[in-house]
Amino acid sequence: MGRAVMLSLTLVAILAAGASRAGAGGFDVRLGAFFPRARDCGIPSSQAREYTLFQDDCELYFVTKSDLIGFTGGAEYNLVLVPNLELGFHIDGYGRSVDTSYRGYTRPHGSEIRQTLHLETLPMGITLRIVPTSKRNKVAPYLGGGVDAVYWKYEEYGDFIDFLDPTFPIRSDHFRSDGWAFGVHAVAGIRFYLNRDFAIVAEGRYQWAKEDISHGDFAPNGPGLVNTIDLSGVSATVGLHVRF
């Protein structure tokens, strides 16, 4: 994860440095919450549109979509291409751990079989943003969209039932899968300028991304099945925009 963060930050810095020669720009920092879509979470297997990681998790463990809501934060360099049109280079991050236990299964003496689920994502990408106001306006709404390369990591660790063994033994284990996924996003926000150079920013962003995890620790039990992890969701943030 640390190597991926450094690579992403380096690439964003290189893009921003090259773009800064073209015109005026700005820099944003933001903090808020990410609300994962976790598609099919809570939907019975027979009704799910496809085999997904979160459908399986929510059916097997005491976990819901709301348990996955977590902190997000990021930074963005934005370049003014022409009046009312900006190009932004951003990196954001999200991480959440959920302590849970099996639904319908306990140890022989009745205590819970506990484990921890952990998800983190690191979207790095570009945003084309329309800001239909002049520099003199104190309030500047905007709309935009763009593409991302999303680094993700998902882990489960703790005690697990081996359902492939007819005696259903309980074993301590650690499962992990990670990788990069292509994503797209749409944004809407508003800047409240405190003076010519500083503004408070409120922004909503929807990210679409998913990845096939049919190989490795989270391969589905059955030939021809495909397992996917849903990385989509909504983020709501507030932050500071500096114009220069």
Protein backbone atom coordinates (compact mmCIF):
# COMPACT_ATOMS: atom_id res chain seq x y z
CA MET A 1 0.00 0.00 0.00
CA GLY A 2 2.78 2.44 0.90
CA ARG A 3 4.52 1.85 -2.45
CA ALA A 4 1.25 2.45 -4.33
CA VAL A 5 0.66 5.72 -2.45
CA MET A 6 4.18 6.98 -3.24
CA LEU A 7 3.83 6.04 -6.91
CA SER A 8 0.46 7.80 -7.14
CA LEU A 9 1.73 10.94 -5.41
CA THR A 10 4.79 11.06 -7.67
CA LEU A 11 2.68 10.73 -10.82
CA VAL A 12 0.23 13.42 -9.68
CA ALA A 13 3.16 15.73 -8.87
CA ILE A 14 4.70 15.18 -12.33
CA LEU A 15 1.39 15.86 -14.10
CA ALA A 16 0.71 18.93 -12.01
CA ALA A 17 4.20 20.33 -12.55
CA GLY A 18 3.89 19.96 -16.30
CA ALA A 19 0.39 21.43 -16.38
CA SER A 20 1.27 24.44 -14.21
CA ARG A 21 3.22 25.99 -17.07
CA ALA A 22 0.02 26.45 -19.05
CA GLY A 23 -1.89 28.85 -16.81
CA ALA A 24 -3.32 29.79 -13.43
CA GLY A 25 -4.49 27.09 -11.07
CA GLY A 26 -5.37 26.14 -7.55
CA PHE A 27 -4.91 23.49 -4.88
CA ASP A 28 -7.57 21.69 -2.81
CA VAL A 29 -7.42 19.61 0.35
CA ARG A 30 -10.60 17.85 1.54
CA LEU A 31 -11.92 15.60 4.28
CA GLY A 32 -15.21 13.76 4.65
CA ALA A 33 -16.94 10.40 4.46
CA PHE A 34 -17.20 7.67 1.83
CA PHE A 35 -20.41 5.63 1.52
CA PRO A 36 -19.63 2.39 -0.37
CA ARG A 37 -22.41 1.12 -2.60
CA ALA A 38 -21.52 -2.50 -1.66
CA ARG A 39 -23.81 -3.80 -4.38
CA ASP A 40 -26.10 -6.70 -3.47
CA CYS A 41 -25.21 -6.44 0.25
CA GLY A 42 -28.17 -7.90 2.12
CA ILE A 43 -29.75 -9.45 -0.99
CA PRO A 44 -30.21 -13.25 -0.84
CA SER A 45 -27.95 -15.25 -3.18
CA SER A 46 -30.93 -16.35 -5.27
CA GLN A 47 -31.85 -12.71 -6.02
CA ALA A 48 -28.37 -11.23 -6.53
CA ARG A 49 -27.57 -10.02 -10.06
CA GLU A 50 -24.17 -11.67 -9.93
CA TYR A 51 -21.88 -13.24 -7.34
CA THR A 52 -20.33 -10.32 -5.44
CA LEU A 53 -18.05 -10.13 -2.45
CA PHE A 54 -20.34 -7.89 -0.41
CA GLN A 55 -23.43 -10.01 -1.09
CA ASP A 56 -21.53 -12.98 0.29
CA ASP A 57 -20.19 -11.00 3.28
CA CYS A 58 -23.55 -9.57 4.28
CA GLU A 59 -25.19 -12.98 4.02
CA LEU A 60 -22.46 -14.76 6.00
CA TYR A 61 -21.48 -12.16 8.64
CA PHE A 62 -23.19 -9.56 10.81
CA VAL A 63 -22.28 -6.63 8.56
CA THR A 64 -24.36 -4.08 6.64
CA LYS A 65 -23.67 -1.28 4.15
CA SER A 66 -23.73 1.32 6.90
CA ASP A 67 -20.90 -0.50 8.71
CA LEU A 68 -18.65 0.21 5.72
CA ILE A 69 -19.08 4.01 5.84
CA GLY A 70 -15.67 5.48 6.60
CA PHE A 71 -13.32 8.43 6.48
CA THR A 72 -12.02 9.78 3.18
CA GLY A 73 -9.59 12.56 2.38
CA GLY A 74 -7.65 13.84 -0.57
CA ALA A 75 -5.75 16.55 -2.40
CA GLU A 76 -6.09 18.00 -5.88
CA TYR A 77 -4.17 20.36 -8.12
CA ASN A 78 -6.43 22.11 -10.63
CA LEU A 79 -5.38 24.04 -13.71
CA VAL A 80 -7.49 26.68 -15.49
CA LEU A 81 -7.48 25.64 -19.14
CA VAL A 82 -9.74 28.43 -20.41
CA PRO A 83 -12.22 30.68 -18.55
CA ASN A 84 -14.78 28.50 -16.69
CA LEU A 85 -13.01 25.22 -17.47
CA GLU A 86 -10.52 23.48 -15.14
CA LEU A 87 -8.51 20.27 -15.28
CA GLY A 88 -7.76 18.66 -11.91
CA PHE A 89 -5.26 15.97 -10.86
CA HIS A 90 -6.24 14.27 -7.62
CA ILE A 91 -5.46 11.51 -5.15
CA ASP A 92 -7.94 10.39 -2.47
CA GLY A 93 -8.03 7.64 0.11
CA TYR A 94 -10.56 5.63 2.10
CA GLY A 95 -10.19 2.88 4.69
CA ARG A 96 -12.53 1.03 7.01
CA SER A 97 -12.27 -2.00 9.34
CA VAL A 98 -15.37 -3.79 10.65
CA ASP A 99 -15.32 -6.29 13.53
CA THR A 100 -18.03 -8.88 13.01
CA SER A 101 -19.06 -12.53 13.50
CA TYR A 102 -20.94 -15.29 11.68
CA ARG A 103 -24.70 -15.26 11.28
CA GLY A 104 -26.19 -18.56 12.45
CA TYR A 105 -22.93 -20.19 13.51
CA THR A 106 -21.28 -20.23 16.93
CA ARG A 107 -18.60 -22.22 18.71
CA PRO A 108 -19.68 -25.49 20.42
CA HIS A 109 -20.03 -23.69 23.75
CA GLY A 110 -22.11 -20.91 22.17
CA SER A 111 -19.67 -17.99 21.85
CA GLU A 112 -19.32 -16.01 18.62
CA ILE A 113 -16.83 -16.82 15.88
CA ARG A 114 -15.29 -13.43 15.29
CA GLN A 115 -13.33 -11.88 12.42
CA THR A 116 -12.42 -8.46 11.00
CA LEU A 117 -13.19 -7.21 7.48
CA HIS A 118 -11.00 -4.41 6.08
CA LEU A 119 -11.41 -2.41 2.85
CA GLU A 120 -9.31 0.46 1.55
CA THR A 121 -9.20 2.29 -1.77
CA LEU A 122 -6.91 4.89 -3.30
CA PRO A 123 -8.44 6.59 -6.37
CA MET A 124 -5.96 8.60 -8.46
CA GLY A 125 -7.24 10.45 -11.49
CA ILE A 126 -8.21 13.53 -13.43
CA THR A 127 -11.36 15.68 -13.41
CA LEU A 128 -12.65 18.10 -16.02
CA ARG A 129 -14.64 20.73 -14.11
CA ILE A 130 -17.00 23.44 -15.41
CA VAL A 131 -17.17 26.54 -13.17
CA PRO A 132 -19.76 28.86 -14.81
CA THR A 133 -18.92 32.02 -12.82
CA SER A 134 -16.29 34.74 -12.98
CA LYS A 135 -13.40 35.22 -10.56
CA ARG A 136 -15.28 38.08 -8.92
CA ASN A 137 -18.12 35.86 -7.69
CA LYS A 138 -18.08 34.97 -4.00
CA VAL A 139 -20.07 31.77 -4.62
CA ALA A 140 -18.97 29.44 -7.43
CA PRO A 141 -20.90 26.19 -8.10
CA TYR A 142 -19.36 23.59 -10.42
CA LEU A 143 -19.94 20.27 -12.16
CA GLY A 144 -17.43 17.81 -13.52
CA GLY A 145 -16.39 14.28 -14.32
CA GLY A 146 -13.32 12.21 -14.97
CA VAL A 147 -11.49 8.89 -14.80
CA ASP A 148 -9.50 7.09 -12.11
CA ALA A 149 -7.00 4.35 -11.51
CA VAL A 150 -8.23 2.89 -8.20
CA TYR A 151 -5.82 0.93 -6.03
CA TRP A 152 -7.80 -1.31 -3.66
CA LYS A 153 -7.12 -3.82 -0.92
CA TYR A 154 -9.58 -6.12 0.87
CA GLU A 155 -8.76 -8.37 3.82
CA GLU A 156 -10.51 -10.74 6.22
CA TYR A 157 -8.67 -12.00 9.28
CA GLY A 158 -9.67 -13.81 12.45
CA ASP A 159 -11.44 -17.16 12.96
CA PHE A 160 -13.27 -18.89 10.11
CA ILE A 161 -15.28 -22.06 9.52
CA ASP A 162 -13.88 -24.41 6.89
CA PHE A 163 -17.12 -25.27 5.06
CA LEU A 164 -15.26 -27.64 2.71
CA ASP A 165 -14.51 -29.95 5.64
CA PRO A 166 -17.64 -31.92 6.70
CA THR A 167 -16.68 -31.49 10.38
CA PHE A 168 -16.81 -27.67 9.99
CA PRO A 169 -13.59 -26.98 11.94
CA ILE A 170 -12.82 -23.42 13.08
CA ARG A 171 -9.39 -22.10 12.11
CA SER A 172 -7.54 -18.80 12.44
CA ASP A 173 -6.65 -17.39 9.03
CA HIS A 174 -5.92 -14.27 6.98
CA PHE A 175 -7.33 -13.71 3.47
CA ARG A 176 -6.27 -10.83 1.22
CA SER A 177 -6.74 -9.56 -2.30
CA ASP A 178 -5.57 -6.29 -3.89
CA GLY A 179 -5.03 -4.67 -7.26
CA TRP A 180 -5.89 -1.77 -9.56
CA ALA A 181 -9.27 -1.07 -11.15
CA PHE A 182 -10.40 1.41 -13.79
CA GLY A 183 -13.04 3.87 -12.57
CA VAL A 184 -15.02 6.92 -13.60
CA HIS A 185 -16.56 9.63 -11.42
CA ALA A 186 -18.92 12.58 -11.45
CA VAL A 187 -18.64 15.56 -9.11
CA ALA A 188 -20.79 18.50 -8.05
CA GLY A 189 -19.75 21.16 -5.58
CA ILE A 190 -19.66 24.76 -4.55
CA ARG A 191 -16.89 27.15 -3.49
CA PHE A 192 -17.51 29.94 -0.97
CA TYR A 193 -14.72 32.49 -1.40
CA LEU A 194 -13.46 34.14 1.78
CA ASN A 195 -11.31 36.47 -0.30
CA ARG A 196 -9.70 36.44 -3.76
CA ASP A 197 -7.44 33.46 -3.04
CA PHE A 198 -9.14 31.25 -0.42
CA ALA A 199 -12.46 29.40 -0.54
CA ILE A 200 -14.32 26.81 1.53
CA VAL A 201 -15.44 23.93 -0.70
CA ALA A 202 -18.30 21.47 -0.28
CA GLU A 203 -18.31 18.60 -2.79
CA GLY A 204 -20.20 15.43 -3.58
CA ARG A 205 -18.61 12.75 -5.75
CA TYR A 206 -19.88 9.46 -7.15
CA GLN A 207 -17.31 6.87 -8.15
CA TRP A 208 -18.02 3.82 -10.34
CA ALA A 209 -15.50 0.97 -10.25
CA LYS A 210 -15.45 -2.79 -9.79
CA GLU A 211 -12.92 -5.58 -10.18
CA ASP A 212 -12.95 -9.32 -10.83
CA ILE A 213 -11.53 -11.21 -7.82
CA SER A 214 -12.32 -14.71 -9.07
CA HIS A 215 -8.75 -15.85 -8.47
CA GLY A 216 -6.89 -16.12 -5.19
CA ASP A 217 -8.24 -15.99 -1.65
CA PHE A 218 -11.78 -14.94 -2.63
CA ALA A 219 -12.37 -17.29 -5.55
CA PRO A 220 -16.01 -18.50 -5.64
CA ASN A 221 -16.77 -22.12 -4.77
CA GLY A 222 -17.89 -23.53 -8.08
CA PRO A 223 -16.76 -23.86 -11.71
CA GLY A 224 -17.56 -20.98 -14.05
CA LEU A 225 -18.50 -18.55 -11.26
CA VAL A 226 -17.18 -14.98 -11.26
CA ASN A 227 -16.73 -13.00 -8.04
CA THR A 228 -16.46 -9.20 -8.14
CA ILE A 229 -15.69 -6.51 -5.59
CA ASP A 230 -17.75 -3.32 -5.87
CA LEU A 231 -15.60 -0.21 -5.31
CA SER A 232 -18.34 2.26 -6.19
CA GLY A 233 -19.88 4.77 -3.83
CA VAL A 234 -20.58 8.35 -2.82
CA SER A 235 -18.18 10.67 -1.02
CA ALA A 236 -19.18 13.91 0.70
CA THR A 237 -16.36 16.25 1.65
CA VAL A 238 -15.55 19.77 2.79
CA GLY A 239 -12.21 21.41 2.26
CA LEU A 240 -10.09 24.42 1.40
CA HIS A 241 -9.35 25.74 -2.10
CA VAL A 242 -6.33 27.99 -2.64
CA ARG A 243 -6.22 29.93 -5.92
CA PHE A 244 -2.91 31.09 -7.43
